[in-house]
Amino acid sequence: GALQLSANYFSSAFIKNNGNGKFSIAPLPVLAQVSILNG
């Protein structure tokens, strides 16, 4: 009965609000994927 979760998206990404409760996601360029993003 345990809740099992899995991750399926590992890119740093831009999430766009398309309106009406709809969103789309797109990975940032490769140079933004080389390390952890903080500020």
PDB file of all heavy atoms in Angstrom:
ATOM      1  N   GLY A   1       0.787  -1.224   0.000  1.00  0.00           N
ATOM      2  CA  GLY A   1       0.000   0.000   0.000  1.00  0.00           C
ATOM      3  C   GLY A   1       0.821   1.276   0.000  1.00  0.00           C
ATOM      4  O   GLY A   1       0.265   2.376   0.082  1.00  0.00           O
ATOM      5  N   ALA A   2       2.151   1.134  -0.057  1.00  0.00           N
ATOM      6  CA  ALA A   2       3.010   2.320  -0.040  1.00  0.00           C
ATOM      7  C   ALA A   2       2.883   3.093  -1.360  1.00  0.00           C
ATOM      8  O   ALA A   2       2.674   2.510  -2.428  1.00  0.00           O
ATOM      9  CB  ALA A   2       4.459   1.922   0.180  1.00  0.00           C
ATOM     10  N   LEU A   3       2.982   4.383  -1.276  1.00  0.00           N
ATOM     11  CA  LEU A   3       2.971   5.230  -2.464  1.00  0.00           C
ATOM     12  C   LEU A   3       4.343   5.183  -3.115  1.00  0.00           C
ATOM     13  O   LEU A   3       5.352   5.502  -2.480  1.00  0.00           O
ATOM     14  CB  LEU A   3       2.615   6.676  -2.092  1.00  0.00           C
ATOM     15  CG  LEU A   3       2.650   7.700  -3.232  1.00  0.00           C
ATOM     16  CD1 LEU A   3       1.594   7.382  -4.273  1.00  0.00           C
ATOM     17  CD2 LEU A   3       2.447   9.109  -2.658  1.00  0.00           C
ATOM     18  N   GLN A   4       4.407   4.786  -4.369  1.00  0.00           N
ATOM     19  CA  GLN A   4       5.669   4.703  -5.088  1.00  0.00           C
ATOM     20  C   GLN A   4       5.738   5.815  -6.126  1.00  0.00           C
ATOM     21  O   GLN A   4       4.845   5.955  -6.961  1.00  0.00           O
ATOM     22  CB  GLN A   4       5.816   3.348  -5.783  1.00  0.00           C
ATOM     23  CG  GLN A   4       5.853   2.186  -4.796  1.00  0.00           C
ATOM     24  CD  GLN A   4       6.157   0.867  -5.480  1.00  0.00           C
ATOM     25  OE1 GLN A   4       6.876   0.825  -6.483  1.00  0.00           O
ATOM     26  NE2 GLN A   4       5.602  -0.216  -4.955  1.00  0.00           N
ATOM     27  N   LEU A   5       6.791   6.613  -6.042  1.00  0.00           N
ATOM     28  CA  LEU A   5       6.997   7.733  -6.958  1.00  0.00           C
ATOM     29  C   LEU A   5       8.243   7.503  -7.797  1.00  0.00           C
ATOM     30  O   LEU A   5       9.194   6.856  -7.353  1.00  0.00           O
ATOM     31  CB  LEU A   5       7.138   9.052  -6.182  1.00  0.00           C
ATOM     32  CG  LEU A   5       5.973   9.425  -5.253  1.00  0.00           C
ATOM     33  CD1 LEU A   5       6.301  10.698  -4.484  1.00  0.00           C
ATOM     34  CD2 LEU A   5       4.694   9.612  -6.054  1.00  0.00           C
ATOM     35  N   SER A   6       8.250   8.038  -9.001  1.00  0.00           N
ATOM     36  CA  SER A   6       9.435   7.936  -9.856  1.00  0.00           C
ATOM     37  C   SER A   6       9.656   9.263 -10.561  1.00  0.00           C
ATOM     38  O   SER A   6       8.700  10.007 -10.825  1.00  0.00           O
ATOM     39  CB  SER A   6       9.269   6.812 -10.895  1.00  0.00           C
ATOM     40  OG  SER A   6       8.158   7.080 -11.738  1.00  0.00           O
ATOM     41  N   ALA A   7      10.908   9.573 -10.820  1.00  0.00           N
ATOM     42  CA  ALA A   7      11.260  10.803 -11.529  1.00  0.00           C
ATOM     43  C   ALA A   7      11.478  10.479 -12.999  1.00  0.00           C
ATOM     44  O   ALA A   7      12.059   9.455 -13.344  1.00  0.00           O
ATOM     45  CB  ALA A   7      12.523  11.412 -10.928  1.00  0.00           C
ATOM     46  N   ASN A   8      10.988  11.356 -13.872  1.00  0.00           N
ATOM     47  CA  ASN A   8      11.136  11.078 -15.309  1.00  0.00           C
ATOM     48  C   ASN A   8      11.624  12.305 -16.088  1.00  0.00           C
ATOM     49  O   ASN A   8      11.625  12.290 -17.316  1.00  0.00           O
ATOM     50  CB  ASN A   8       9.822  10.565 -15.906  1.00  0.00           C
ATOM     51  CG  ASN A   8       8.667  11.531 -15.690  1.00  0.00           C
ATOM     52  OD1 ASN A   8       8.857  12.704 -15.397  1.00  0.00           O
ATOM     53  ND2 ASN A   8       7.462  11.020 -15.829  1.00  0.00           N
ATOM     54  N   TYR A   9      12.005  13.372 -15.354  1.00  0.00           N
ATOM     55  CA  TYR A   9      12.485  14.583 -16.043  1.00  0.00           C
ATOM     56  C   TYR A   9      13.638  15.158 -15.230  1.00  0.00           C
ATOM     57  O   TYR A   9      13.452  15.548 -14.078  1.00  0.00           O
ATOM     58  CB  TYR A   9      11.362  15.607 -16.175  1.00  0.00           C
ATOM     59  CG  TYR A   9      11.622  16.678 -17.215  1.00  0.00           C
ATOM     60  CD1 TYR A   9      11.092  16.575 -18.493  1.00  0.00           C
ATOM     61  CD2 TYR A   9      12.405  17.797 -16.922  1.00  0.00           C
ATOM     62  CE1 TYR A   9      11.339  17.544 -19.451  1.00  0.00           C
ATOM     63  CE2 TYR A   9      12.648  18.765 -17.872  1.00  0.00           C
ATOM     64  CZ  TYR A   9      12.109  18.646 -19.134  1.00  0.00           C
ATOM     65  OH  TYR A   9      12.359  19.604 -20.088  1.00  0.00           O
ATOM     66  N   PHE A  10      14.807  15.217 -15.816  1.00  0.00           N
ATOM     67  CA  PHE A  10      15.992  15.601 -15.055  1.00  0.00           C
ATOM     68  C   PHE A  10      16.678  16.857 -15.584  1.00  0.00           C
ATOM     69  O   PHE A  10      17.738  17.236 -15.101  1.00  0.00           O
ATOM     70  CB  PHE A  10      16.991  14.437 -15.053  1.00  0.00           C
ATOM     71  CG  PHE A  10      16.487  13.227 -14.331  1.00  0.00           C
ATOM     72  CD1 PHE A  10      15.859  12.206 -15.023  1.00  0.00           C
ATOM     73  CD2 PHE A  10      16.607  13.110 -12.962  1.00  0.00           C
ATOM     74  CE1 PHE A  10      15.369  11.088 -14.358  1.00  0.00           C
ATOM     75  CE2 PHE A  10      16.126  12.002 -12.289  1.00  0.00           C
ATOM     76  CZ  PHE A  10      15.501  10.986 -12.985  1.00  0.00           C
ATOM     77  N   SER A  11      16.103  17.504 -16.554  1.00  0.00           N
ATOM     78  CA  SER A  11      16.708  18.715 -17.109  1.00  0.00           C
ATOM     79  C   SER A  11      16.278  19.952 -16.328  1.00  0.00           C
ATOM     80  O   SER A  11      15.139  20.034 -15.856  1.00  0.00           O
ATOM     81  CB  SER A  11      16.289  18.894 -18.577  1.00  0.00           C
ATOM     82  OG  SER A  11      16.741  17.833 -19.376  1.00  0.00           O
ATOM     83  N   SER A  12      17.185  20.919 -16.210  1.00  0.00           N
ATOM     84  CA  SER A  12      16.774  22.247 -15.764  1.00  0.00           C
ATOM     85  C   SER A  12      15.939  22.835 -16.892  1.00  0.00           C
ATOM     86  O   SER A  12      16.349  22.802 -18.054  1.00  0.00           O
ATOM     87  CB  SER A  12      17.993  23.115 -15.481  1.00  0.00           C
ATOM     88  OG  SER A  12      18.734  22.597 -14.388  1.00  0.00           O
ATOM     89  N   ALA A  13      14.771  23.370 -16.568  1.00  0.00           N
ATOM     90  CA  ALA A  13      13.811  23.679 -17.622  1.00  0.00           C
ATOM     91  C   ALA A  13      13.111  25.010 -17.404  1.00  0.00           C
ATOM     92  O   ALA A  13      13.113  25.579 -16.305  1.00  0.00           O
ATOM     93  CB  ALA A  13      12.772  22.565 -17.716  1.00  0.00           C
ATOM     94  N   PHE A  14      12.500  25.480 -18.477  1.00  0.00           N
ATOM     95  CA  PHE A  14      11.640  26.660 -18.463  1.00  0.00           C
ATOM     96  C   PHE A  14      10.199  26.183 -18.576  1.00  0.00           C
ATOM     97  O   PHE A  14       9.862  25.424 -19.479  1.00  0.00           O
ATOM     98  CB  PHE A  14      11.987  27.575 -19.649  1.00  0.00           C
ATOM     99  CG  PHE A  14      11.000  28.690 -19.872  1.00  0.00           C
ATOM    100  CD1 PHE A  14      11.004  29.809 -19.054  1.00  0.00           C
ATOM    101  CD2 PHE A  14      10.061  28.623 -20.892  1.00  0.00           C
ATOM    102  CE1 PHE A  14      10.095  30.836 -19.250  1.00  0.00           C
ATOM    103  CE2 PHE A  14       9.144  29.650 -21.103  1.00  0.00           C
ATOM    104  CZ  PHE A  14       9.162  30.755 -20.274  1.00  0.00           C
ATOM    105  N   ILE A  15       9.357  26.612 -17.632  1.00  0.00           N
ATOM    106  CA  ILE A  15       7.944  26.230 -17.652  1.00  0.00           C
ATOM    107  C   ILE A  15       7.133  27.462 -18.030  1.00  0.00           C
ATOM    108  O   ILE A  15       7.193  28.484 -17.360  1.00  0.00           O
ATOM    109  CB  ILE A  15       7.497  25.678 -16.293  1.00  0.00           C
ATOM    110  CG1 ILE A  15       8.327  24.434 -15.935  1.00  0.00           C
ATOM    111  CG2 ILE A  15       6.017  25.322 -16.325  1.00  0.00           C
ATOM    112  CD1 ILE A  15       8.028  23.878 -14.561  1.00  0.00           C
ATOM    113  N   LYS A  16       6.378  27.349 -19.092  1.00  0.00           N
ATOM    114  CA  LYS A  16       5.608  28.472 -19.624  1.00  0.00           C
ATOM    115  C   LYS A  16       4.140  28.337 -19.260  1.00  0.00           C
ATOM    116  O   LYS A  16       3.542  27.271 -19.422  1.00  0.00           O
ATOM    117  CB  LYS A  16       5.757  28.527 -21.150  1.00  0.00           C
ATOM    118  CG  LYS A  16       5.022  29.678 -21.822  1.00  0.00           C
ATOM    119  CD  LYS A  16       5.242  29.656 -23.327  1.00  0.00           C
ATOM    120  CE  LYS A  16       4.514  30.801 -24.011  1.00  0.00           C
ATOM    121  NZ  LYS A  16       4.726  30.771 -25.492  1.00  0.00           N
ATOM    122  N   ASN A  17       3.582  29.423 -18.753  1.00  0.00           N
ATOM    123  CA  ASN A  17       2.148  29.471 -18.449  1.00  0.00           C
ATOM    124  C   ASN A  17       1.410  29.874 -19.719  1.00  0.00           C
ATOM    125  O   ASN A  17       1.500  31.019 -20.162  1.00  0.00           O
ATOM    126  CB  ASN A  17       1.893  30.480 -17.322  1.00  0.00           C
ATOM    127  CG  ASN A  17       0.440  30.483 -16.875  1.00  0.00           C
ATOM    128  OD1 ASN A  17      -0.434  29.915 -17.541  1.00  0.00           O
ATOM    129  ND2 ASN A  17       0.176  31.121 -15.750  1.00  0.00           N
ATOM    130  N   ASN A  18       0.688  28.948 -20.316  1.00  0.00           N
ATOM    131  CA  ASN A  18      -0.027  29.205 -21.567  1.00  0.00           C
ATOM    132  C   ASN A  18      -1.432  29.757 -21.347  1.00  0.00           C
ATOM    133  O   ASN A  18      -2.152  30.027 -22.314  1.00  0.00           O
ATOM    134  CB  ASN A  18      -0.107  27.916 -22.395  1.00  0.00           C
ATOM    135  CG  ASN A  18       1.259  27.391 -22.766  1.00  0.00           C
ATOM    136  OD1 ASN A  18       2.125  28.134 -23.220  1.00  0.00           O
ATOM    137  ND2 ASN A  18       1.475  26.097 -22.565  1.00  0.00           N
ATOM    138  N   GLY A  19      -1.840  29.911 -20.093  1.00  0.00           N
ATOM    139  CA  GLY A  19      -3.184  30.400 -19.785  1.00  0.00           C
ATOM    140  C   GLY A  19      -4.187  29.267 -19.677  1.00  0.00           C
ATOM    141  O   GLY A  19      -3.946  28.137 -20.125  1.00  0.00           O
ATOM    142  N   ASN A  20      -5.312  29.557 -19.059  1.00  0.00           N
ATOM    143  CA  ASN A  20      -6.393  28.578 -18.897  1.00  0.00           C
ATOM    144  C   ASN A  20      -5.932  27.308 -18.188  1.00  0.00           C
ATOM    145  O   ASN A  20      -6.408  26.209 -18.486  1.00  0.00           O
ATOM    146  CB  ASN A  20      -7.007  28.225 -20.257  1.00  0.00           C
ATOM    147  CG  ASN A  20      -7.627  29.427 -20.943  1.00  0.00           C
ATOM    148  OD1 ASN A  20      -8.300  30.233 -20.296  1.00  0.00           O
ATOM    149  ND2 ASN A  20      -7.400  29.564 -22.237  1.00  0.00           N
ATOM    150  N   GLY A  21      -5.000  27.464 -17.268  1.00  0.00           N
ATOM    151  CA  GLY A  21      -4.531  26.313 -16.504  1.00  0.00           C
ATOM    152  C   GLY A  21      -3.621  25.376 -17.268  1.00  0.00           C
ATOM    153  O   GLY A  21      -3.351  24.258 -16.808  1.00  0.00           O
ATOM    154  N   LYS A  22      -3.124  25.809 -18.431  1.00  0.00           N
ATOM    155  CA  LYS A  22      -2.265  24.967 -19.250  1.00  0.00           C
ATOM    156  C   LYS A  22      -0.814  25.451 -19.168  1.00  0.00           C
ATOM    157  O   LYS A  22      -0.547  26.651 -19.217  1.00  0.00           O
ATOM    158  CB  LYS A  22      -2.711  24.991 -20.719  1.00  0.00           C
ATOM    159  CG  LYS A  22      -4.152  24.540 -20.942  1.00  0.00           C
ATOM    160  CD  LYS A  22      -4.351  23.071 -20.604  1.00  0.00           C
ATOM    161  CE  LYS A  22      -5.764  22.614 -20.916  1.00  0.00           C
ATOM    162  NZ  LYS A  22      -5.985  21.187 -20.583  1.00  0.00           N
ATOM    163  N   PHE A  23       0.105  24.504 -19.047  1.00  0.00           N
ATOM    164  CA  PHE A  23       1.524  24.817 -18.970  1.00  0.00           C
ATOM    165  C   PHE A  23       2.297  23.932 -19.944  1.00  0.00           C
ATOM    166  O   PHE A  23       1.867  22.823 -20.277  1.00  0.00           O
ATOM    167  CB  PHE A  23       2.062  24.586 -17.552  1.00  0.00           C
ATOM    168  CG  PHE A  23       1.470  25.503 -16.523  1.00  0.00           C
ATOM    169  CD1 PHE A  23       0.229  25.222 -15.947  1.00  0.00           C
ATOM    170  CD2 PHE A  23       2.134  26.647 -16.122  1.00  0.00           C
ATOM    171  CE1 PHE A  23      -0.329  26.065 -14.996  1.00  0.00           C
ATOM    172  CE2 PHE A  23       1.584  27.495 -15.167  1.00  0.00           C
ATOM    173  CZ  PHE A  23       0.359  27.207 -14.611  1.00  0.00           C
ATOM    174  N   SER A  24       3.444  24.436 -20.401  1.00  0.00           N
ATOM    175  CA  SER A  24       4.338  23.634 -21.236  1.00  0.00           C
ATOM    176  C   SER A  24       5.742  23.754 -20.678  1.00  0.00           C
ATOM    177  O   SER A  24       6.107  24.771 -20.077  1.00  0.00           O
ATOM    178  CB  SER A  24       4.300  24.113 -22.696  1.00  0.00           C
ATOM    179  OG  SER A  24       4.625  25.493 -22.802  1.00  0.00           O
ATOM    180  N   ILE A  25       6.531  22.720 -20.858  1.00  0.00           N
ATOM    181  CA  ILE A  25       7.876  22.680 -20.298  1.00  0.00           C
ATOM    182  C   ILE A  25       8.886  22.417 -21.407  1.00  0.00           C
ATOM    183  O   ILE A  25       8.628  21.633 -22.331  1.00  0.00           O
ATOM    184  CB  ILE A  25       7.978  21.603 -19.197  1.00  0.00           C
ATOM    185  CG1 ILE A  25       9.349  21.640 -18.517  1.00  0.00           C
ATOM    186  CG2 ILE A  25       7.674  20.214 -19.731  1.00  0.00           C
ATOM    187  CD1 ILE A  25       9.426  20.777 -17.268  1.00  0.00           C
ATOM    188  N   ALA A  26      10.031  23.089 -21.327  1.00  0.00           N
ATOM    189  CA  ALA A  26      11.088  22.898 -22.320  1.00  0.00           C
ATOM    190  C   ALA A  26      12.436  23.009 -21.612  1.00  0.00           C
ATOM    191  O   ALA A  26      12.626  23.887 -20.760  1.00  0.00           O
ATOM    192  CB  ALA A  26      10.992  23.946 -23.425  1.00  0.00           C
ATOM    193  N   PRO A  27      13.384  22.130 -21.931  1.00  0.00           N
ATOM    194  CA  PRO A  27      14.689  22.190 -21.277  1.00  0.00           C
ATOM    195  C   PRO A  27      15.440  23.456 -21.670  1.00  0.00           C
ATOM    196  O   PRO A  27      15.310  23.953 -22.792  1.00  0.00           O
ATOM    197  CB  PRO A  27      15.400  20.938 -21.801  1.00  0.00           C
ATOM    198  CG  PRO A  27      14.729  20.631 -23.100  1.00  0.00           C
ATOM    199  CD  PRO A  27      13.302  21.035 -22.922  1.00  0.00           C
ATOM    200  N   LEU A  28      16.206  23.984 -20.742  1.00  0.00           N
ATOM    201  CA  LEU A  28      17.079  25.106 -21.039  1.00  0.00           C
ATOM    202  C   LEU A  28      18.241  24.620 -21.900  1.00  0.00           C
ATOM    203  O   LEU A  28      18.477  23.416 -22.023  1.00  0.00           O
ATOM    204  CB  LEU A  28      17.596  25.720 -19.735  1.00  0.00           C
ATOM    205  CG  LEU A  28      16.540  26.433 -18.876  1.00  0.00           C
ATOM    206  CD1 LEU A  28      17.138  26.816 -17.523  1.00  0.00           C
ATOM    207  CD2 LEU A  28      15.988  27.654 -19.582  1.00  0.00           C
ATOM    208  N   PRO A  29      18.991  25.529 -22.537  1.00  0.00           N
ATOM    209  CA  PRO A  29      20.116  25.123 -23.383  1.00  0.00           C
ATOM    210  C   PRO A  29      21.137  24.254 -22.636  1.00  0.00           C
ATOM    211  O   PRO A  29      21.184  24.251 -21.395  1.00  0.00           O
ATOM    212  CB  PRO A  29      20.733  26.459 -23.803  1.00  0.00           C
ATOM    213  CG  PRO A  29      19.607  27.429 -23.737  1.00  0.00           C
ATOM    214  CD  PRO A  29      18.770  26.987 -22.576  1.00  0.00           C
ATOM    215  N   VAL A  30      21.952  23.553 -23.390  1.00  0.00           N
ATOM    216  CA  VAL A  30      22.922  22.607 -22.827  1.00  0.00           C
ATOM    217  C   VAL A  30      23.835  23.258 -21.798  1.00  0.00           C
ATOM    218  O   VAL A  30      24.160  22.657 -20.766  1.00  0.00           O
ATOM    219  CB  VAL A  30      23.767  21.977 -23.960  1.00  0.00           C
ATOM    220  CG1 VAL A  30      24.895  21.136 -23.387  1.00  0.00           C
ATOM    221  CG2 VAL A  30      22.884  21.113 -24.856  1.00  0.00           C
ATOM    222  N   LEU A  31      24.259  24.493 -22.062  1.00  0.00           N
ATOM    223  CA  LEU A  31      25.180  25.152 -21.132  1.00  0.00           C
ATOM    224  C   LEU A  31      24.550  25.418 -19.768  1.00  0.00           C
ATOM    225  O   LEU A  31      25.264  25.676 -18.797  1.00  0.00           O
ATOM    226  CB  LEU A  31      25.686  26.470 -21.738  1.00  0.00           C
ATOM    227  CG  LEU A  31      26.682  26.332 -22.889  1.00  0.00           C
ATOM    228  CD1 LEU A  31      27.102  27.695 -23.403  1.00  0.00           C
ATOM    229  CD2 LEU A  31      27.913  25.531 -22.446  1.00  0.00           C
ATOM    230  N   ALA A  32      23.235  25.346 -19.681  1.00  0.00           N
ATOM    231  CA  ALA A  32      22.558  25.497 -18.390  1.00  0.00           C
ATOM    232  C   ALA A  32      22.366  24.150 -17.696  1.00  0.00           C
ATOM    233  O   ALA A  32      21.788  24.092 -16.611  1.00  0.00           O
ATOM    234  CB  ALA A  32      21.205  26.175 -18.579  1.00  0.00           C
ATOM    235  N   GLN A  33      22.836  23.069 -18.314  1.00  0.00           N
ATOM    236  CA  GLN A  33      22.653  21.731 -17.759  1.00  0.00           C
ATOM    237  C   GLN A  33      23.938  21.171 -17.154  1.00  0.00           C
ATOM    238  O   GLN A  33      23.940  20.058 -16.632  1.00  0.00           O
ATOM    239  CB  GLN A  33      22.166  20.764 -18.854  1.00  0.00           C
ATOM    240  CG  GLN A  33      20.968  21.227 -19.642  1.00  0.00           C
ATOM    241  CD  GLN A  33      19.692  21.315 -18.831  1.00  0.00           C
ATOM    242  OE1 GLN A  33      19.584  20.730 -17.748  1.00  0.00           O
ATOM    243  NE2 GLN A  33      18.700  22.039 -19.343  1.00  0.00           N
ATOM    244  N   VAL A  34      25.043  21.925 -17.215  1.00  0.00           N
ATOM    245  CA  VAL A  34      26.348  21.361 -16.843  1.00  0.00           C
ATOM    246  C   VAL A  34      26.587  21.329 -15.340  1.00  0.00           C
ATOM    247  O   VAL A  34      27.526  20.689 -14.871  1.00  0.00           O
ATOM    248  CB  VAL A  34      27.497  22.127 -17.534  1.00  0.00           C
ATOM    249  CG1 VAL A  34      27.382  22.021 -19.045  1.00  0.00           C
ATOM    250  CG2 VAL A  34      27.516  23.592 -17.106  1.00  0.00           C
ATOM    251  N   SER A  35      25.762  22.022 -14.565  1.00  0.00           N
ATOM    252  CA  SER A  35      25.951  22.043 -13.120  1.00  0.00           C
ATOM    253  C   SER A  35      24.645  22.433 -12.442  1.00  0.00           C
ATOM    254  O   SER A  35      23.630  22.664 -13.098  1.00  0.00           O
ATOM    255  CB  SER A  35      27.062  23.023 -12.744  1.00  0.00           C
ATOM    256  OG  SER A  35      27.424  22.879 -11.380  1.00  0.00           O
ATOM    257  N   ILE A  36      24.700  22.524 -11.117  1.00  0.00           N
ATOM    258  CA  ILE A  36      23.532  22.930 -10.343  1.00  0.00           C
ATOM    259  C   ILE A  36      23.283  24.419 -10.543  1.00  0.00           C
ATOM    260  O   ILE A  36      24.217  25.228 -10.552  1.00  0.00           O
ATOM    261  CB  ILE A  36      23.754  22.622  -8.858  1.00  0.00           C
ATOM    262  CG1 ILE A  36      23.694  21.107  -8.632  1.00  0.00           C
ATOM    263  CG2 ILE A  36      22.725  23.320  -7.982  1.00  0.00           C
ATOM    264  CD1 ILE A  36      23.976  20.682  -7.224  1.00  0.00           C
ATOM    265  N   LEU A  37      22.007  24.802 -10.703  1.00  0.00           N
ATOM    266  CA  LEU A  37      21.629  26.203 -10.833  1.00  0.00           C
ATOM    267  C   LEU A  37      21.094  26.690  -9.497  1.00  0.00           C
ATOM    268  O   LEU A  37      20.182  26.087  -8.937  1.00  0.00           O
ATOM    269  CB  LEU A  37      20.562  26.368 -11.921  1.00  0.00           C
ATOM    270  CG  LEU A  37      20.850  25.728 -13.281  1.00  0.00           C
ATOM    271  CD1 LEU A  37      19.748  26.084 -14.270  1.00  0.00           C
ATOM    272  CD2 LEU A  37      22.212  26.151 -13.808  1.00  0.00           C
ATOM    273  N   ASN A  38      21.634  27.792  -9.011  1.00  0.00           N
ATOM    274  CA  ASN A  38      21.189  28.344  -7.726  1.00  0.00           C
ATOM    275  C   ASN A  38      20.522  29.694  -7.927  1.00  0.00           C
ATOM    276  O   ASN A  38      19.346  29.767  -8.200  1.00  0.00           O
ATOM    277  CB  ASN A  38      22.372  28.429  -6.759  1.00  0.00           C
ATOM    278  CG  ASN A  38      22.862  27.061  -6.310  1.00  0.00           C
ATOM    279  OD1 ASN A  38      22.066  26.172  -6.018  1.00  0.00           O
ATOM    280  ND2 ASN A  38      24.165  26.873  -6.257  1.00  0.00           N
ATOM    281  N   GLY A  39      21.277  30.773  -7.786  1.00  0.00           N
ATOM    282  CA  GLY A  39      20.693  32.095  -7.944  1.00  0.00           C
ATOM    283  C   GLY A  39      20.319  32.389  -9.386  1.00  0.00           C
ATOM    284  O   GLY A  39      21.054  32.059 -10.309  1.00  0.00           O
TER     285      GLY A  39
END
